[in-house]
Amino acid sequence: MMAIKCVLGIVFTSLLVGCATPPLSVTYYTEPAGGTVFQGSQHMGRAPVCLSYPVSDYENRNGSKLLAPITVQWVSGARTTTGTNYADLRKYGFSQQLTVNRPPDAPNAQIDAAYGAQLEQAAAQQDAANAAGQNAYWKQMQMWQNIGQQMGNQIQHQNMINQLQQMQSEIEQIQSNQE
């Protein structure tokens, strides 16, 4: 889902900026997981958050993009703000990742660690459920395909019976004409 949002953001931004330079896509992660990302006063969502930034021709030629600081707040209230970040377009391209670490001296670290572990466990369960759902879908598709093949085989079998009956009828008609 995150990848889809990120791709849609890139497509939308490229439509606004033009086709000359692709936008920069930065996915922000937090350690521990579960930090809420803000850019200025704007709430961007719970990490991982993918943000898209237009890249000017000048920034593209220079190979770097200046990124505004972001603030991350964890459920315990611990908070940190990054400094100005430079995205190295030449080295890392137009799809980058940045992990923001919780301040080690902030109180209640165990709360944030437990919350992050819960989020990771929930994500793993969701991934397993998605995989099971996809497996069930493919099994169901295979079942329908088998049913279709069986029906096709039955139709072919019925057609063969009809042809044999027609041939037998023709043979009987020939035999009766000969008598």
Foldseek 3Di string as FASTA:
>chain_A
DQVVVQVVQQVVVCVVQDVPDTWAKEFEAEVLFFWWKAQPNRTQGGPRGIDTGHADPVCVVVQKDWDGWMKTAAPVRQIDIDHIDIDRCVVANRYYYHYHYGPPPDPPVVVRNVVSVVVVVVVVVVVVVVVVVVVVVVVVVVVVVVVVVVVVVVVVVVVVVVVVVVVVVVVVVVVVVVD
